[in-house]
Full PDB file with SEQRES, HELIX, SHEET, SSBOND, CRYST1, ORIGX, SCALE, CONECT and MASTER records, all heavy atoms in Angstrom:
SEQRES   1 A   33  ARG GLN VAL PHE TYR LEU ARG GLU GLN ALA GLU LEU ALA          
SEQRES   2 A   33  LYS TYR PRO SER LEU THR LEU THR LEU THR PRO GLY LEU          
SEQRES   3 A   33  SER THR ALA ASP GLY LEU PHE                                  
HELIX    1 AA1 GLN A    2  LEU A   12  1                                  11    
SHEET    1 AA1 2 LEU A  26  SER A  27  0                                        
SHEET    2 AA1 2 GLY A  31  LEU A  32 -1                                        
CRYST1    1.000    1.000    1.000  90.00  90.00  90.00 P 1           1          
ORIGX1      1.000000  0.000000  0.000000        0.00000                         
ORIGX2      0.000000  1.000000  0.000000        0.00000                         
ORIGX3      0.000000  0.000000  1.000000        0.00000                         
SCALE1      1.000000  0.000000  0.000000        0.00000                         
SCALE2      0.000000  1.000000  0.000000        0.00000                         
SCALE3      0.000000  0.000000  1.000000        0.00000                         
ATOM      1  N   ARG A   1      15.153 -21.735  -7.679  1.00  0.00           N  
ATOM      2  CA  ARG A   1      14.658 -21.014  -6.449  1.00  0.00           C  
ATOM      3  C   ARG A   1      14.083 -19.688  -6.720  1.00  0.00           C  
ATOM      4  O   ARG A   1      13.051 -19.317  -6.108  1.00  0.00           O  
ATOM      5  CB  ARG A   1      15.863 -20.919  -5.481  1.00  0.00           C  
ATOM      6  CG  ARG A   1      16.317 -22.261  -4.959  1.00  0.00           C  
ATOM      7  CD  ARG A   1      17.169 -22.059  -3.678  1.00  0.00           C  
ATOM      8  NE  ARG A   1      17.642 -23.356  -3.129  1.00  0.00           N  
ATOM      9  CZ  ARG A   1      18.878 -23.766  -3.290  1.00  0.00           C  
ATOM     10  NH1 ARG A   1      19.813 -22.926  -3.958  1.00  0.00           N  
ATOM     11  NH2 ARG A   1      19.260 -24.920  -2.790  1.00  0.00           N  
ATOM     12  N   GLN A   2      14.620 -18.969  -7.709  1.00  0.00           N  
ATOM     13  CA  GLN A   2      13.984 -17.689  -8.050  1.00  0.00           C  
ATOM     14  C   GLN A   2      12.664 -17.905  -8.408  1.00  0.00           C  
ATOM     15  O   GLN A   2      11.627 -17.116  -8.029  1.00  0.00           O  
ATOM     16  CB  GLN A   2      14.809 -17.067  -9.209  1.00  0.00           C  
ATOM     17  CG  GLN A   2      14.192 -15.712  -9.662  1.00  0.00           C  
ATOM     18  CD  GLN A   2      14.835 -15.229 -10.980  1.00  0.00           C  
ATOM     19  OE1 GLN A   2      15.531 -15.940 -11.709  1.00  0.00           O  
ATOM     20  NE2 GLN A   2      14.529 -14.047 -11.310  1.00  0.00           N  
ATOM     21  N   VAL A   3      12.367 -18.790  -9.362  1.00  0.00           N  
ATOM     22  CA  VAL A   3      10.941 -19.016  -9.793  1.00  0.00           C  
ATOM     23  C   VAL A   3      10.082 -19.518  -8.739  1.00  0.00           C  
ATOM     24  O   VAL A   3       8.827 -19.245  -8.631  1.00  0.00           O  
ATOM     25  CB  VAL A   3      10.936 -19.952 -11.087  1.00  0.00           C  
ATOM     26  CG1 VAL A   3       9.540 -20.346 -11.444  1.00  0.00           C  
ATOM     27  CG2 VAL A   3      11.678 -19.399 -12.244  1.00  0.00           C  
ATOM     28  N   PHE A   4      10.722 -20.342  -7.862  1.00  0.00           N  
ATOM     29  CA  PHE A   4       9.938 -20.875  -6.609  1.00  0.00           C  
ATOM     30  C   PHE A   4       9.398 -19.668  -5.847  1.00  0.00           C  
ATOM     31  O   PHE A   4       8.185 -19.579  -5.426  1.00  0.00           O  
ATOM     32  CB  PHE A   4      10.875 -21.699  -5.832  1.00  0.00           C  
ATOM     33  CG  PHE A   4      10.220 -22.146  -4.462  1.00  0.00           C  
ATOM     34  CD1 PHE A   4       9.456 -23.210  -4.407  1.00  0.00           C  
ATOM     35  CD2 PHE A   4      10.419 -21.308  -3.259  1.00  0.00           C  
ATOM     36  CE1 PHE A   4       8.865 -23.578  -3.089  1.00  0.00           C  
ATOM     37  CE2 PHE A   4       9.859 -21.727  -2.125  1.00  0.00           C  
ATOM     38  CZ  PHE A   4       9.093 -22.850  -2.035  1.00  0.00           C  
ATOM     39  N   TYR A   5      10.298 -18.608  -5.572  1.00  0.00           N  
ATOM     40  CA  TYR A   5       9.793 -17.452  -4.822  1.00  0.00           C  
ATOM     41  C   TYR A   5       8.795 -16.679  -5.643  1.00  0.00           C  
ATOM     42  O   TYR A   5       7.862 -16.107  -5.011  1.00  0.00           O  
ATOM     43  CB  TYR A   5      11.000 -16.629  -4.371  1.00  0.00           C  
ATOM     44  CG  TYR A   5      11.800 -17.067  -3.256  1.00  0.00           C  
ATOM     45  CD1 TYR A   5      13.178 -17.410  -3.407  1.00  0.00           C  
ATOM     46  CD2 TYR A   5      11.275 -17.165  -1.947  1.00  0.00           C  
ATOM     47  CE1 TYR A   5      13.847 -17.908  -2.250  1.00  0.00           C  
ATOM     48  CE2 TYR A   5      11.948 -17.615  -0.920  1.00  0.00           C  
ATOM     49  CZ  TYR A   5      13.267 -17.950  -0.960  1.00  0.00           C  
ATOM     50  OH  TYR A   5      13.985 -18.328   0.069  1.00  0.00           O  
ATOM     51  N   LEU A   6       8.954 -16.528  -6.836  1.00  0.00           N  
ATOM     52  CA  LEU A   6       7.988 -15.820  -7.630  1.00  0.00           C  
ATOM     53  C   LEU A   6       6.673 -16.486  -7.636  1.00  0.00           C  
ATOM     54  O   LEU A   6       5.615 -15.807  -7.661  1.00  0.00           O  
ATOM     55  CB  LEU A   6       8.573 -15.699  -9.083  1.00  0.00           C  
ATOM     56  CG  LEU A   6       9.682 -14.732  -9.313  1.00  0.00           C  
ATOM     57  CD1 LEU A   6      10.139 -14.826 -10.773  1.00  0.00           C  
ATOM     58  CD2 LEU A   6       9.382 -13.275  -8.913  1.00  0.00           C  
ATOM     59  N   ARG A   7       6.701 -17.803  -7.572  1.00  0.00           N  
ATOM     60  CA  ARG A   7       5.402 -18.584  -7.552  1.00  0.00           C  
ATOM     61  C   ARG A   7       4.733 -18.365  -6.222  1.00  0.00           C  
ATOM     62  O   ARG A   7       3.552 -18.131  -6.109  1.00  0.00           O  
ATOM     63  CB  ARG A   7       5.702 -20.031  -7.763  1.00  0.00           C  
ATOM     64  CG  ARG A   7       4.576 -20.889  -8.030  1.00  0.00           C  
ATOM     65  CD  ARG A   7       4.002 -21.619  -6.745  1.00  0.00           C  
ATOM     66  NE  ARG A   7       2.948 -22.516  -7.032  1.00  0.00           N  
ATOM     67  CZ  ARG A   7       2.151 -22.877  -6.076  1.00  0.00           C  
ATOM     68  NH1 ARG A   7       2.239 -22.418  -4.887  1.00  0.00           N  
ATOM     69  NH2 ARG A   7       1.027 -23.628  -6.386  1.00  0.00           N  
ATOM     70  N   GLU A   8       5.536 -18.339  -5.100  1.00  0.00           N  
ATOM     71  CA  GLU A   8       4.983 -18.094  -3.858  1.00  0.00           C  
ATOM     72  C   GLU A   8       4.335 -16.620  -3.733  1.00  0.00           C  
ATOM     73  O   GLU A   8       3.403 -16.410  -3.207  1.00  0.00           O  
ATOM     74  CB  GLU A   8       6.050 -18.249  -2.718  1.00  0.00           C  
ATOM     75  CG  GLU A   8       6.511 -19.616  -2.534  1.00  0.00           C  
ATOM     76  CD  GLU A   8       5.457 -20.566  -2.076  1.00  0.00           C  
ATOM     77  OE1 GLU A   8       4.850 -20.299  -0.986  1.00  0.00           O  
ATOM     78  OE2 GLU A   8       5.073 -21.502  -2.724  1.00  0.00           O  
ATOM     79  N   GLN A   9       5.105 -15.684  -4.301  1.00  0.00           N  
ATOM     80  CA  GLN A   9       4.577 -14.352  -4.452  1.00  0.00           C  
ATOM     81  C   GLN A   9       3.307 -14.196  -5.132  1.00  0.00           C  
ATOM     82  O   GLN A   9       2.348 -13.526  -4.653  1.00  0.00           O  
ATOM     83  CB  GLN A   9       5.657 -13.371  -5.005  1.00  0.00           C  
ATOM     84  CG  GLN A   9       5.318 -11.901  -5.062  1.00  0.00           C  
ATOM     85  CD  GLN A   9       6.314 -11.102  -5.770  1.00  0.00           C  
ATOM     86  OE1 GLN A   9       6.760 -11.428  -6.865  1.00  0.00           O  
ATOM     87  NE2 GLN A   9       6.706  -9.864  -5.219  1.00  0.00           N  
ATOM     88  N   ALA A  10       3.222 -14.885  -6.316  1.00  0.00           N  
ATOM     89  CA  ALA A  10       1.944 -14.846  -7.037  1.00  0.00           C  
ATOM     90  C   ALA A  10       0.900 -15.577  -6.264  1.00  0.00           C  
ATOM     91  O   ALA A  10      -0.378 -15.110  -6.195  1.00  0.00           O  
ATOM     92  CB  ALA A  10       2.178 -15.645  -8.290  1.00  0.00           C  
ATOM     93  N   GLU A  11       1.123 -16.561  -5.515  1.00  0.00           N  
ATOM     94  CA  GLU A  11       0.105 -17.324  -4.666  1.00  0.00           C  
ATOM     95  C   GLU A  11      -0.426 -16.386  -3.586  1.00  0.00           C  
ATOM     96  O   GLU A  11      -1.577 -16.456  -3.230  1.00  0.00           O  
ATOM     97  CB  GLU A  11       0.746 -18.496  -4.057  1.00  0.00           C  
ATOM     98  CG  GLU A  11      -0.244 -19.455  -3.285  1.00  0.00           C  
ATOM     99  CD  GLU A  11      -1.224 -20.216  -4.179  1.00  0.00           C  
ATOM    100  OE1 GLU A  11      -0.777 -20.539  -5.381  1.00  0.00           O  
ATOM    101  OE2 GLU A  11      -2.330 -20.399  -3.836  1.00  0.00           O  
ATOM    102  N   LEU A  12       0.543 -15.584  -2.989  1.00  0.00           N  
ATOM    103  CA  LEU A  12       0.185 -14.645  -1.904  1.00  0.00           C  
ATOM    104  C   LEU A  12      -0.762 -13.472  -2.399  1.00  0.00           C  
ATOM    105  O   LEU A  12      -1.361 -12.756  -1.576  1.00  0.00           O  
ATOM    106  CB  LEU A  12       1.386 -14.173  -1.199  1.00  0.00           C  
ATOM    107  CG  LEU A  12       2.086 -15.161  -0.393  1.00  0.00           C  
ATOM    108  CD1 LEU A  12       3.426 -14.580   0.245  1.00  0.00           C  
ATOM    109  CD2 LEU A  12       1.212 -15.816   0.740  1.00  0.00           C  
ATOM    110  N   ALA A  13      -0.768 -13.261  -3.704  1.00  0.00           N  
ATOM    111  CA  ALA A  13      -1.482 -12.104  -4.262  1.00  0.00           C  
ATOM    112  C   ALA A  13      -2.990 -12.355  -4.050  1.00  0.00           C  
ATOM    113  O   ALA A  13      -3.768 -11.335  -4.185  1.00  0.00           O  
ATOM    114  CB  ALA A  13      -1.138 -11.962  -5.731  1.00  0.00           C  
ATOM    115  N   LYS A  14      -3.420 -13.483  -3.712  1.00  0.00           N  
ATOM    116  CA  LYS A  14      -4.947 -13.733  -3.571  1.00  0.00           C  
ATOM    117  C   LYS A  14      -5.382 -13.304  -2.136  1.00  0.00           C  
ATOM    118  O   LYS A  14      -6.582 -13.180  -1.818  1.00  0.00           O  
ATOM    119  CB  LYS A  14      -5.234 -15.215  -3.747  1.00  0.00           C  
ATOM    120  CG  LYS A  14      -4.665 -16.166  -2.759  1.00  0.00           C  
ATOM    121  CD  LYS A  14      -4.907 -17.610  -3.153  1.00  0.00           C  
ATOM    122  CE  LYS A  14      -4.266 -18.608  -2.163  1.00  0.00           C  
ATOM    123  NZ  LYS A  14      -4.448 -20.066  -2.585  1.00  0.00           N  
ATOM    124  N   TYR A  15      -4.368 -13.020  -1.248  1.00  0.00           N  
ATOM    125  CA  TYR A  15      -4.786 -12.491   0.001  1.00  0.00           C  
ATOM    126  C   TYR A  15      -4.891 -10.984   0.113  1.00  0.00           C  
ATOM    127  O   TYR A  15      -4.245 -10.309  -0.793  1.00  0.00           O  
ATOM    128  CB  TYR A  15      -3.653 -12.892   1.101  1.00  0.00           C  
ATOM    129  CG  TYR A  15      -3.530 -14.412   1.301  1.00  0.00           C  
ATOM    130  CD1 TYR A  15      -2.605 -15.086   0.696  1.00  0.00           C  
ATOM    131  CD2 TYR A  15      -4.540 -15.036   2.118  1.00  0.00           C  
ATOM    132  CE1 TYR A  15      -2.504 -16.553   0.902  1.00  0.00           C  
ATOM    133  CE2 TYR A  15      -4.373 -16.443   2.293  1.00  0.00           C  
ATOM    134  CZ  TYR A  15      -3.450 -17.152   1.697  1.00  0.00           C  
ATOM    135  OH  TYR A  15      -3.313 -18.525   1.892  1.00  0.00           O  
ATOM    136  N   PRO A  16      -5.634 -10.425   1.109  1.00  0.00           N  
ATOM    137  CA  PRO A  16      -5.780  -8.994   1.068  1.00  0.00           C  
ATOM    138  C   PRO A  16      -4.518  -8.256   1.343  1.00  0.00           C  
ATOM    139  O   PRO A  16      -3.536  -8.738   1.948  1.00  0.00           O  
ATOM    140  CB  PRO A  16      -6.837  -8.797   2.243  1.00  0.00           C  
ATOM    141  CG  PRO A  16      -7.384 -10.142   2.487  1.00  0.00           C  
ATOM    142  CD  PRO A  16      -6.392 -11.134   2.047  1.00  0.00           C  
ATOM    143  N   SER A  17      -4.407  -7.004   0.792  1.00  0.00           N  
ATOM    144  CA  SER A  17      -3.336  -6.141   1.085  1.00  0.00           C  
ATOM    145  C   SER A  17      -3.737  -4.944   1.874  1.00  0.00           C  
ATOM    146  O   SER A  17      -4.816  -4.488   1.742  1.00  0.00           O  
ATOM    147  CB  SER A  17      -2.596  -5.759  -0.224  1.00  0.00           C  
ATOM    148  OG  SER A  17      -3.568  -5.005  -0.967  1.00  0.00           O  
ATOM    149  N   LEU A  18      -2.805  -4.417   2.750  1.00  0.00           N  
ATOM    150  CA  LEU A  18      -3.189  -3.274   3.592  1.00  0.00           C  
ATOM    151  C   LEU A  18      -2.262  -2.106   3.307  1.00  0.00           C  
ATOM    152  O   LEU A  18      -0.981  -2.303   3.277  1.00  0.00           O  
ATOM    153  CB  LEU A  18      -3.071  -3.696   5.073  1.00  0.00           C  
ATOM    154  CG  LEU A  18      -3.243  -2.569   6.082  1.00  0.00           C  
ATOM    155  CD1 LEU A  18      -4.673  -2.064   5.946  1.00  0.00           C  
ATOM    156  CD2 LEU A  18      -3.016  -3.079   7.480  1.00  0.00           C  
ATOM    157  N   THR A  19      -2.859  -1.008   2.940  1.00  0.00           N  
ATOM    158  CA  THR A  19      -2.174   0.181   2.695  1.00  0.00           C  
ATOM    159  C   THR A  19      -2.534   1.267   3.641  1.00  0.00           C  
ATOM    160  O   THR A  19      -3.661   1.694   3.818  1.00  0.00           O  
ATOM    161  CB  THR A  19      -2.311   0.719   1.252  1.00  0.00           C  
ATOM    162  OG1 THR A  19      -1.915  -0.337   0.349  1.00  0.00           O  
ATOM    163  CG2 THR A  19      -1.491   1.927   0.954  1.00  0.00           C  
ATOM    164  N   LEU A  20      -1.482   1.829   4.363  1.00  0.00           N  
ATOM    165  CA  LEU A  20      -1.716   3.065   5.230  1.00  0.00           C  
ATOM    166  C   LEU A  20      -1.352   4.297   4.479  1.00  0.00           C  
ATOM    167  O   LEU A  20      -0.309   4.405   3.890  1.00  0.00           O  
ATOM    168  CB  LEU A  20      -0.917   2.973   6.440  1.00  0.00           C  
ATOM    169  CG  LEU A  20      -1.061   1.658   7.294  1.00  0.00           C  
ATOM    170  CD1 LEU A  20      -0.241   1.704   8.589  1.00  0.00           C  
ATOM    171  CD2 LEU A  20      -2.648   1.532   7.724  1.00  0.00           C  
ATOM    172  N   THR A  21      -2.246   5.334   4.512  1.00  0.00           N  
ATOM    173  CA  THR A  21      -2.148   6.609   3.748  1.00  0.00           C  
ATOM    174  C   THR A  21      -2.269   7.726   4.793  1.00  0.00           C  
ATOM    175  O   THR A  21      -3.205   7.758   5.537  1.00  0.00           O  
ATOM    176  CB  THR A  21      -3.067   6.670   2.637  1.00  0.00           C  
ATOM    177  OG1 THR A  21      -2.939   5.605   1.669  1.00  0.00           O  
ATOM    178  CG2 THR A  21      -2.778   7.937   1.826  1.00  0.00           C  
ATOM    179  N   LEU A  22      -1.437   8.733   4.690  1.00  0.00           N  
ATOM    180  CA  LEU A  22      -1.428   9.900   5.479  1.00  0.00           C  
ATOM    181  C   LEU A  22      -1.350  11.123   4.569  1.00  0.00           C  
ATOM    182  O   LEU A  22      -0.382  11.158   3.667  1.00  0.00           O  
ATOM    183  CB  LEU A  22      -0.264   9.957   6.442  1.00  0.00           C  
ATOM    184  CG  LEU A  22      -0.321  11.037   7.447  1.00  0.00           C  
ATOM    185  CD1 LEU A  22      -1.479  10.988   8.385  1.00  0.00           C  
ATOM    186  CD2 LEU A  22       1.002  11.154   8.289  1.00  0.00           C  
ATOM    187  N   THR A  23      -2.370  12.014   4.629  1.00  0.00           N  
ATOM    188  CA  THR A  23      -2.366  13.161   3.713  1.00  0.00           C  
ATOM    189  C   THR A  23      -2.396  14.444   4.404  1.00  0.00           C  
ATOM    190  O   THR A  23      -3.407  15.077   4.689  1.00  0.00           O  
ATOM    191  CB  THR A  23      -3.615  13.132   2.761  1.00  0.00           C  
ATOM    192  OG1 THR A  23      -4.749  13.057   3.624  1.00  0.00           O  
ATOM    193  CG2 THR A  23      -3.511  11.883   1.862  1.00  0.00           C  
ATOM    194  N   PRO A  24      -1.201  14.943   4.971  1.00  0.00           N  
ATOM    195  CA  PRO A  24      -1.163  16.281   5.606  1.00  0.00           C  
ATOM    196  C   PRO A  24      -1.144  17.304   4.544  1.00  0.00           C  
ATOM    197  O   PRO A  24      -0.659  17.102   3.355  1.00  0.00           O  
ATOM    198  CB  PRO A  24       0.189  16.227   6.294  1.00  0.00           C  
ATOM    199  CG  PRO A  24       1.057  15.260   5.446  1.00  0.00           C  
ATOM    200  CD  PRO A  24       0.077  14.200   4.931  1.00  0.00           C  
ATOM    201  N   GLY A  25      -1.689  18.550   4.819  1.00  0.00           N  
ATOM    202  CA  GLY A  25      -1.611  19.665   3.827  1.00  0.00           C  
ATOM    203  C   GLY A  25      -2.044  20.972   4.459  1.00  0.00           C  
ATOM    204  O   GLY A  25      -2.441  21.065   5.626  1.00  0.00           O  
ATOM    205  N   LEU A  26      -2.074  21.945   3.702  1.00  0.00           N  
ATOM    206  CA  LEU A  26      -2.494  23.338   4.097  1.00  0.00           C  
ATOM    207  C   LEU A  26      -3.535  23.794   3.096  1.00  0.00           C  
ATOM    208  O   LEU A  26      -3.441  23.579   1.884  1.00  0.00           O  
ATOM    209  CB  LEU A  26      -1.262  24.322   4.078  1.00  0.00           C  
ATOM    210  CG  LEU A  26      -0.237  24.019   5.140  1.00  0.00           C  
ATOM    211  CD1 LEU A  26       0.908  25.018   4.917  1.00  0.00           C  
ATOM    212  CD2 LEU A  26      -0.764  24.230   6.484  1.00  0.00           C  
ATOM    213  N   SER A  27      -4.535  24.521   3.701  1.00  0.00           N  
ATOM    214  CA  SER A  27      -5.638  25.056   2.818  1.00  0.00           C  
ATOM    215  C   SER A  27      -5.914  26.404   3.322  1.00  0.00           C  
ATOM    216  O   SER A  27      -5.958  26.653   4.547  1.00  0.00           O  
ATOM    217  CB  SER A  27      -6.884  24.195   2.921  1.00  0.00           C  
ATOM    218  OG  SER A  27      -7.955  24.731   2.183  1.00  0.00           O  
ATOM    219  N   THR A  28      -6.297  27.352   2.392  1.00  0.00           N  
ATOM    220  CA  THR A  28      -6.687  28.713   2.914  1.00  0.00           C  
ATOM    221  C   THR A  28      -8.051  28.652   3.536  1.00  0.00           C  
ATOM    222  O   THR A  28      -8.371  29.627   4.299  1.00  0.00           O  
ATOM    223  CB  THR A  28      -6.776  29.592   1.684  1.00  0.00           C  
ATOM    224  OG1 THR A  28      -7.708  29.045   0.674  1.00  0.00           O  
ATOM    225  CG2 THR A  28      -5.474  29.734   0.972  1.00  0.00           C  
ATOM    226  N   ALA A  29      -8.798  27.604   3.373  1.00  0.00           N  
ATOM    227  CA  ALA A  29     -10.059  27.520   4.036  1.00  0.00           C  
ATOM    228  C   ALA A  29      -9.975  26.880   5.484  1.00  0.00           C  
ATOM    229  O   ALA A  29     -10.536  27.323   6.346  1.00  0.00           O  
ATOM    230  CB  ALA A  29     -11.066  26.770   3.195  1.00  0.00           C  
ATOM    231  N   ASP A  30      -9.193  25.811   5.492  1.00  0.00           N  
ATOM    232  CA  ASP A  30      -9.137  25.021   6.710  1.00  0.00           C  
ATOM    233  C   ASP A  30      -7.863  25.091   7.529  1.00  0.00           C  
ATOM    234  O   ASP A  30      -7.798  24.592   8.632  1.00  0.00           O  
ATOM    235  CB  ASP A  30      -9.414  23.538   6.469  1.00  0.00           C  
ATOM    236  CG  ASP A  30     -10.746  23.393   5.746  1.00  0.00           C  
ATOM    237  OD1 ASP A  30     -11.701  24.038   6.084  1.00  0.00           O  
ATOM    238  OD2 ASP A  30     -10.813  22.551   4.815  1.00  0.00           O  
ATOM    239  N   GLY A  31      -6.886  25.719   7.005  1.00  0.00           N  
ATOM    240  CA  GLY A  31      -5.568  25.816   7.621  1.00  0.00           C  
ATOM    241  C   GLY A  31      -4.907  24.385   7.451  1.00  0.00           C  
ATOM    242  O   GLY A  31      -4.947  23.792   6.431  1.00  0.00           O  
ATOM    243  N   LEU A  32      -4.181  23.905   8.524  1.00  0.00           N  
ATOM    244  CA  LEU A  32      -3.604  22.727   8.536  1.00  0.00           C  
ATOM    245  C   LEU A  32      -4.497  21.581   8.662  1.00  0.00           C  
ATOM    246  O   LEU A  32      -5.415  21.585   9.473  1.00  0.00           O  
ATOM    247  CB  LEU A  32      -2.549  22.709   9.732  1.00  0.00           C  
ATOM    248  CG  LEU A  32      -1.789  21.323   9.835  1.00  0.00           C  
ATOM    249  CD1 LEU A  32      -0.901  21.021   8.666  1.00  0.00           C  
ATOM    250  CD2 LEU A  32      -1.050  21.379  11.186  1.00  0.00           C  
ATOM    251  N   PHE A  33      -4.380  20.570   7.771  1.00  0.00           N  
ATOM    252  CA  PHE A  33      -5.182  19.397   7.879  1.00  0.00           C  
ATOM    253  C   PHE A  33      -4.438  18.158   7.679  1.00  0.00           C  
ATOM    254  O   PHE A  33      -3.461  18.103   6.956  1.00  0.00           O  
ATOM    255  CB  PHE A  33      -6.374  19.383   6.921  1.00  0.00           C  
ATOM    256  CG  PHE A  33      -5.987  19.343   5.498  1.00  0.00           C  
ATOM    257  CD1 PHE A  33      -5.747  18.041   4.846  1.00  0.00           C  
ATOM    258  CD2 PHE A  33      -5.752  20.456   4.722  1.00  0.00           C  
ATOM    259  CE1 PHE A  33      -5.385  17.972   3.576  1.00  0.00           C  
ATOM    260  CE2 PHE A  33      -5.390  20.528   3.441  1.00  0.00           C  
ATOM    261  CZ  PHE A  33      -5.200  19.229   2.848  1.00  0.00           C  
TER     262      PHE A  33                                                      
MASTER        0    0    0    1    2    0    0    6  261    1    0    3          
END                                                                             
């Protein structure tokens, strides 16, 4: 069953993946961004 799930995981790697990124920070030029 472990290898079964690993095989399913590998099969799903052909589908797109979505990553959400948030980059808060401070700058002397722009202040908070």
